[in-house]
Amino acid sequence: MLAILCQVKLLEPGVIRRVLQQDGSACGAPNAKGFAKPHDLFLLHLAMRERSLDSFGPAQTAAMENDVVERLRTPAPTLERLATRISIDAAIVPGMGG
């Protein structure tokens, strides 16, 4: 979700490296706080990846990473689609929305 808000295209070559290097040019929309969080999450991922390699081995770790990449390739909701969904939910669920 933060990548959508910051317009960070995670699957494009070199983008993750730029995020890890805190290169704000990886952001299509300036958002310093929003950009810092994906950076921190990538650092967490790298630490967890090391633990996963130790615990599960390279094959299972690669399978888990492939699953994450496939989920990233699934079209993410746009801000407009999210707003529409919130409006629909508000119309369906009593007491939700304004």
N, C-alpha and C. Protein backbone atom coordinates (compact mmCIF):
# COMPACT_ATOMS: atom_id res chain seq x y z
N MET A 1 0.82 -1.18 0.00
CA MET A 1 0.00 0.00 0.00
C MET A 1 0.87 1.25 0.00
N LEU A 2 1.95 1.25 0.80
CA LEU A 2 2.84 2.42 0.82
C LEU A 2 3.51 2.62 -0.52
N ALA A 3 3.85 1.51 -1.18
CA ALA A 3 4.47 1.63 -2.50
C ALA A 3 3.51 2.28 -3.49
N ILE A 4 2.21 2.02 -3.35
CA ILE A 4 1.22 2.65 -4.21
C ILE A 4 1.16 4.14 -3.92
N LEU A 5 1.07 4.50 -2.65
CA LEU A 5 0.99 5.90 -2.28
C LEU A 5 2.21 6.70 -2.72
N CYS A 6 3.38 6.07 -2.64
CA CYS A 6 4.62 6.74 -3.02
C CYS A 6 4.94 6.54 -4.50
N GLN A 7 4.14 5.72 -5.17
CA GLN A 7 4.36 5.38 -6.58
C GLN A 7 5.75 4.80 -6.80
N VAL A 8 6.10 3.83 -5.95
CA VAL A 8 7.37 3.11 -6.08
C VAL A 8 7.07 1.84 -6.86
N LYS A 9 7.71 1.68 -7.99
CA LYS A 9 7.49 0.52 -8.86
C LYS A 9 8.51 -0.56 -8.50
N LEU A 10 8.16 -1.37 -7.50
CA LEU A 10 9.07 -2.32 -6.89
C LEU A 10 9.67 -3.32 -7.86
N LEU A 11 8.93 -3.73 -8.87
CA LEU A 11 9.41 -4.79 -9.75
C LEU A 11 10.25 -4.29 -10.92
N GLU A 12 10.41 -2.97 -11.03
CA GLU A 12 11.27 -2.46 -12.10
C GLU A 12 12.73 -2.62 -11.69
N PRO A 13 13.58 -2.92 -12.66
CA PRO A 13 15.01 -3.14 -12.34
C PRO A 13 15.62 -1.95 -11.62
N GLY A 14 16.35 -2.27 -10.54
CA GLY A 14 17.09 -1.26 -9.80
C GLY A 14 16.31 -0.49 -8.76
N VAL A 15 14.99 -0.63 -8.74
CA VAL A 15 14.18 0.17 -7.82
C VAL A 15 14.42 -0.24 -6.37
N ILE A 16 14.46 -1.53 -6.10
CA ILE A 16 14.67 -1.97 -4.71
C ILE A 16 16.04 -1.50 -4.21
N ARG A 17 17.05 -1.57 -5.07
CA ARG A 17 18.38 -1.08 -4.68
C ARG A 17 18.32 0.42 -4.34
N ARG A 18 17.58 1.18 -5.15
CA ARG A 18 17.46 2.62 -4.90
C ARG A 18 16.72 2.89 -3.59
N VAL A 19 15.69 2.09 -3.31
CA VAL A 19 14.96 2.25 -2.04
C VAL A 19 15.90 1.95 -0.87
N LEU A 20 16.68 0.87 -0.98
CA LEU A 20 17.61 0.51 0.10
C LEU A 20 18.67 1.59 0.30
N GLN A 21 19.03 2.29 -0.77
CA GLN A 21 20.02 3.36 -0.67
C GLN A 21 19.36 4.70 -0.30
N GLN A 22 18.09 4.64 0.02
CA GLN A 22 17.30 5.82 0.40
C GLN A 22 17.32 6.90 -0.69
N ASP A 23 17.27 6.44 -1.93
CA ASP A 23 17.23 7.33 -3.09
C ASP A 23 15.78 7.70 -3.36
N GLY A 24 15.40 8.90 -2.99
CA GLY A 24 14.03 9.36 -3.14
C GLY A 24 13.55 9.42 -4.57
N SER A 25 14.47 9.34 -5.54
CA SER A 25 14.04 9.37 -6.94
C SER A 25 13.29 8.09 -7.32
N ALA A 26 13.32 7.08 -6.45
CA ALA A 26 12.55 5.86 -6.70
C ALA A 26 11.06 6.11 -6.50
N CYS A 27 10.75 7.23 -5.85
CA CYS A 27 9.36 7.62 -5.56
C CYS A 27 8.81 8.45 -6.70
N GLY A 28 7.65 8.07 -7.20
CA GLY A 28 6.98 8.88 -8.21
C GLY A 28 6.25 10.05 -7.60
N ALA A 29 5.93 9.94 -6.31
CA ALA A 29 5.24 11.01 -5.58
C ALA A 29 6.01 11.26 -4.30
N PRO A 30 6.48 12.48 -4.08
CA PRO A 30 7.26 12.76 -2.88
C PRO A 30 6.45 12.53 -1.60
N ASN A 31 6.99 11.73 -0.72
CA ASN A 31 6.35 11.42 0.55
C ASN A 31 7.43 10.85 1.46
N ALA A 32 8.16 11.71 2.14
CA ALA A 32 9.32 11.29 2.93
C ALA A 32 8.97 10.24 3.97
N LYS A 33 7.89 10.44 4.72
CA LYS A 33 7.50 9.46 5.74
C LYS A 33 7.07 8.15 5.10
N GLY A 34 6.28 8.25 4.06
CA GLY A 34 5.83 7.04 3.37
C GLY A 34 6.96 6.28 2.72
N PHE A 35 7.97 6.99 2.23
CA PHE A 35 9.11 6.36 1.58
C PHE A 35 10.01 5.68 2.61
N ALA A 36 10.14 6.24 3.80
CA ALA A 36 11.00 5.66 4.83
C ALA A 36 10.51 4.29 5.26
N LYS A 37 9.21 4.09 5.27
CA LYS A 37 8.68 2.81 5.74
C LYS A 37 9.01 1.65 4.81
N PRO A 38 8.85 1.79 3.47
CA PRO A 38 9.28 0.68 2.60
C PRO A 38 10.78 0.39 2.76
N HIS A 39 11.57 1.43 2.95
CA HIS A 39 13.01 1.23 3.16
C HIS A 39 13.23 0.36 4.40
N ASP A 40 12.58 0.71 5.49
CA ASP A 40 12.73 -0.06 6.73
C ASP A 40 12.21 -1.49 6.56
N LEU A 41 11.12 -1.65 5.81
CA LEU A 41 10.58 -2.99 5.58
C LEU A 41 11.53 -3.85 4.74
N PHE A 42 12.23 -3.24 3.79
CA PHE A 42 13.21 -3.99 3.02
C PHE A 42 14.36 -4.44 3.90
N LEU A 43 14.81 -3.57 4.81
CA LEU A 43 15.87 -3.96 5.73
C LEU A 43 15.41 -5.12 6.61
N LEU A 44 14.16 -5.05 7.07
CA LEU A 44 13.61 -6.15 7.86
C LEU A 44 13.57 -7.43 7.04
N HIS A 45 13.15 -7.30 5.78
CA HIS A 45 13.10 -8.47 4.89
C HIS A 45 14.48 -9.11 4.77
N LEU A 46 15.51 -8.30 4.58
CA LEU A 46 16.86 -8.86 4.43
C LEU A 46 17.29 -9.61 5.68
N ALA A 47 16.97 -9.06 6.85
CA ALA A 47 17.32 -9.74 8.10
C ALA A 47 16.54 -11.05 8.23
N MET A 48 15.26 -11.01 7.89
CA MET A 48 14.43 -12.22 7.99
C MET A 48 14.85 -13.27 6.95
N ARG A 49 15.30 -12.80 5.80
CA ARG A 49 15.76 -13.72 4.75
C ARG A 49 16.95 -14.52 5.26
N GLU A 50 17.87 -13.86 5.93
CA GLU A 50 19.04 -14.56 6.49
C GLU A 50 18.60 -15.64 7.47
N ARG A 51 17.64 -15.30 8.33
CA ARG A 51 17.13 -16.28 9.30
C ARG A 51 16.42 -17.43 8.59
N SER A 52 15.68 -17.10 7.53
CA SER A 52 14.97 -18.12 6.77
C SER A 52 15.96 -19.08 6.11
N LEU A 53 17.03 -18.53 5.56
CA LEU A 53 18.05 -19.39 4.95
C LEU A 53 18.62 -20.36 5.98
N ASP A 54 18.88 -19.86 7.18
CA ASP A 54 19.42 -20.71 8.24
C ASP A 54 18.41 -21.77 8.68
N SER A 55 17.13 -21.38 8.77
CA SER A 55 16.10 -22.28 9.30
C SER A 55 15.54 -23.25 8.26
N PHE A 56 15.29 -22.73 7.04
CA PHE A 56 14.58 -23.52 6.05
C PHE A 56 15.42 -23.94 4.85
N GLY A 57 16.55 -23.29 4.65
CA GLY A 57 17.40 -23.60 3.52
C GLY A 57 17.06 -22.76 2.30
N PRO A 58 17.95 -22.79 1.30
CA PRO A 58 17.79 -21.93 0.14
C PRO A 58 16.56 -22.24 -0.71
N ALA A 59 16.22 -23.49 -0.88
CA ALA A 59 15.09 -23.84 -1.76
C ALA A 59 13.77 -23.32 -1.21
N GLN A 60 13.51 -23.56 0.07
CA GLN A 60 12.26 -23.11 0.66
C GLN A 60 12.22 -21.58 0.78
N THR A 61 13.36 -20.97 1.06
CA THR A 61 13.42 -19.52 1.12
C THR A 61 13.11 -18.92 -0.25
N ALA A 62 13.69 -19.50 -1.30
CA ALA A 62 13.43 -19.03 -2.66
C ALA A 62 11.95 -19.19 -3.02
N ALA A 63 11.34 -20.29 -2.60
CA ALA A 63 9.91 -20.51 -2.88
C ALA A 63 9.06 -19.45 -2.19
N MET A 64 9.41 -19.11 -0.95
CA MET A 64 8.66 -18.07 -0.24
C MET A 64 8.83 -16.72 -0.92
N GLU A 65 10.06 -16.41 -1.34
CA GLU A 65 10.30 -15.14 -2.02
C GLU A 65 9.55 -15.08 -3.36
N ASN A 66 9.53 -16.20 -4.07
CA ASN A 66 8.79 -16.24 -5.35
C ASN A 66 7.31 -15.98 -5.13
N ASP A 67 6.77 -16.51 -4.05
CA ASP A 67 5.37 -16.26 -3.72
C ASP A 67 5.12 -14.78 -3.49
N VAL A 68 6.02 -14.12 -2.77
CA VAL A 68 5.88 -12.69 -2.51
C VAL A 68 5.94 -11.91 -3.82
N VAL A 69 6.89 -12.26 -4.69
CA VAL A 69 7.02 -11.55 -5.97
C VAL A 69 5.76 -11.73 -6.80
N GLU A 70 5.19 -12.92 -6.81
CA GLU A 70 3.95 -13.15 -7.56
C GLU A 70 2.81 -12.29 -7.02
N ARG A 71 2.74 -12.16 -5.71
CA ARG A 71 1.71 -11.29 -5.12
C ARG A 71 1.95 -9.83 -5.49
N LEU A 72 3.21 -9.43 -5.59
CA LEU A 72 3.52 -8.06 -6.01
C LEU A 72 3.14 -7.83 -7.47
N ARG A 73 3.19 -8.87 -8.27
CA ARG A 73 2.84 -8.74 -9.69
C ARG A 73 1.33 -8.63 -9.90
N THR A 74 0.56 -9.06 -8.93
CA THR A 74 -0.90 -8.94 -9.02
C THR A 74 -1.24 -7.47 -9.02
N PRO A 75 -2.07 -7.03 -9.96
CA PRO A 75 -2.37 -5.59 -10.02
C PRO A 75 -2.87 -5.07 -8.68
N ALA A 76 -2.18 -4.06 -8.21
CA ALA A 76 -2.55 -3.45 -6.94
C ALA A 76 -3.70 -2.47 -7.16
N PRO A 77 -4.49 -2.27 -6.14
CA PRO A 77 -5.58 -1.29 -6.28
C PRO A 77 -5.02 0.12 -6.44
N THR A 78 -5.65 0.87 -7.28
CA THR A 78 -5.27 2.28 -7.42
C THR A 78 -5.99 3.06 -6.33
N LEU A 79 -5.58 4.28 -6.11
CA LEU A 79 -6.25 5.11 -5.11
C LEU A 79 -7.72 5.29 -5.48
N GLU A 80 -8.01 5.41 -6.78
CA GLU A 80 -9.40 5.59 -7.22
C GLU A 80 -10.23 4.34 -6.90
N ARG A 81 -9.64 3.16 -7.16
CA ARG A 81 -10.37 1.92 -6.86
C ARG A 81 -10.57 1.75 -5.37
N LEU A 82 -9.58 2.14 -4.57
CA LEU A 82 -9.74 2.07 -3.11
C LEU A 82 -10.86 3.00 -2.64
N ALA A 83 -10.89 4.21 -3.19
CA ALA A 83 -11.93 5.17 -2.81
C ALA A 83 -13.30 4.64 -3.20
N THR A 84 -13.40 4.02 -4.37
CA THR A 84 -14.67 3.45 -4.81
C THR A 84 -15.08 2.32 -3.87
N ARG A 85 -14.12 1.49 -3.50
CA ARG A 85 -14.41 0.36 -2.60
C ARG A 85 -14.90 0.87 -1.25
N ILE A 86 -14.27 1.91 -0.74
CA ILE A 86 -14.69 2.48 0.55
C ILE A 86 -16.12 3.02 0.43
N SER A 87 -16.43 3.67 -0.68
CA SER A 87 -17.78 4.20 -0.89
C SER A 87 -18.80 3.07 -0.96
N ILE A 88 -18.44 1.98 -1.64
CA ILE A 88 -19.35 0.83 -1.74
C ILE A 88 -19.56 0.23 -0.35
N ASP A 89 -18.46 0.03 0.39
CA ASP A 89 -18.56 -0.53 1.74
C ASP A 89 -19.45 0.35 2.61
N ALA A 90 -19.29 1.66 2.51
CA ALA A 90 -20.07 2.58 3.34
C ALA A 90 -21.55 2.46 3.01
N ALA A 91 -21.87 2.19 1.74
CA ALA A 91 -23.26 2.05 1.33
C ALA A 91 -23.85 0.72 1.80
N ILE A 92 -23.01 -0.31 1.91
CA ILE A 92 -23.48 -1.66 2.26
C ILE A 92 -23.51 -1.88 3.76
N VAL A 93 -22.50 -1.43 4.48
CA VAL A 93 -22.34 -1.72 5.89
C VAL A 93 -22.94 -0.57 6.71
N PRO A 94 -23.98 -0.86 7.49
CA PRO A 94 -24.57 0.20 8.31
C PRO A 94 -23.55 0.78 9.29
N GLY A 95 -23.56 2.08 9.42
CA GLY A 95 -22.67 2.75 10.36
C GLY A 95 -21.28 2.99 9.84
N MET A 96 -20.96 2.51 8.62
CA MET A 96 -19.63 2.72 8.06
C MET A 96 -19.65 3.94 7.15
N GLY A 97 -18.61 4.72 7.22
CA GLY A 97 -18.50 5.86 6.32
C GLY A 97 -19.30 7.04 6.82
N GLY A 98 -19.56 7.99 5.88
CA GLY A 98 -20.22 9.21 6.32
C GLY A 98 -21.49 9.45 5.70
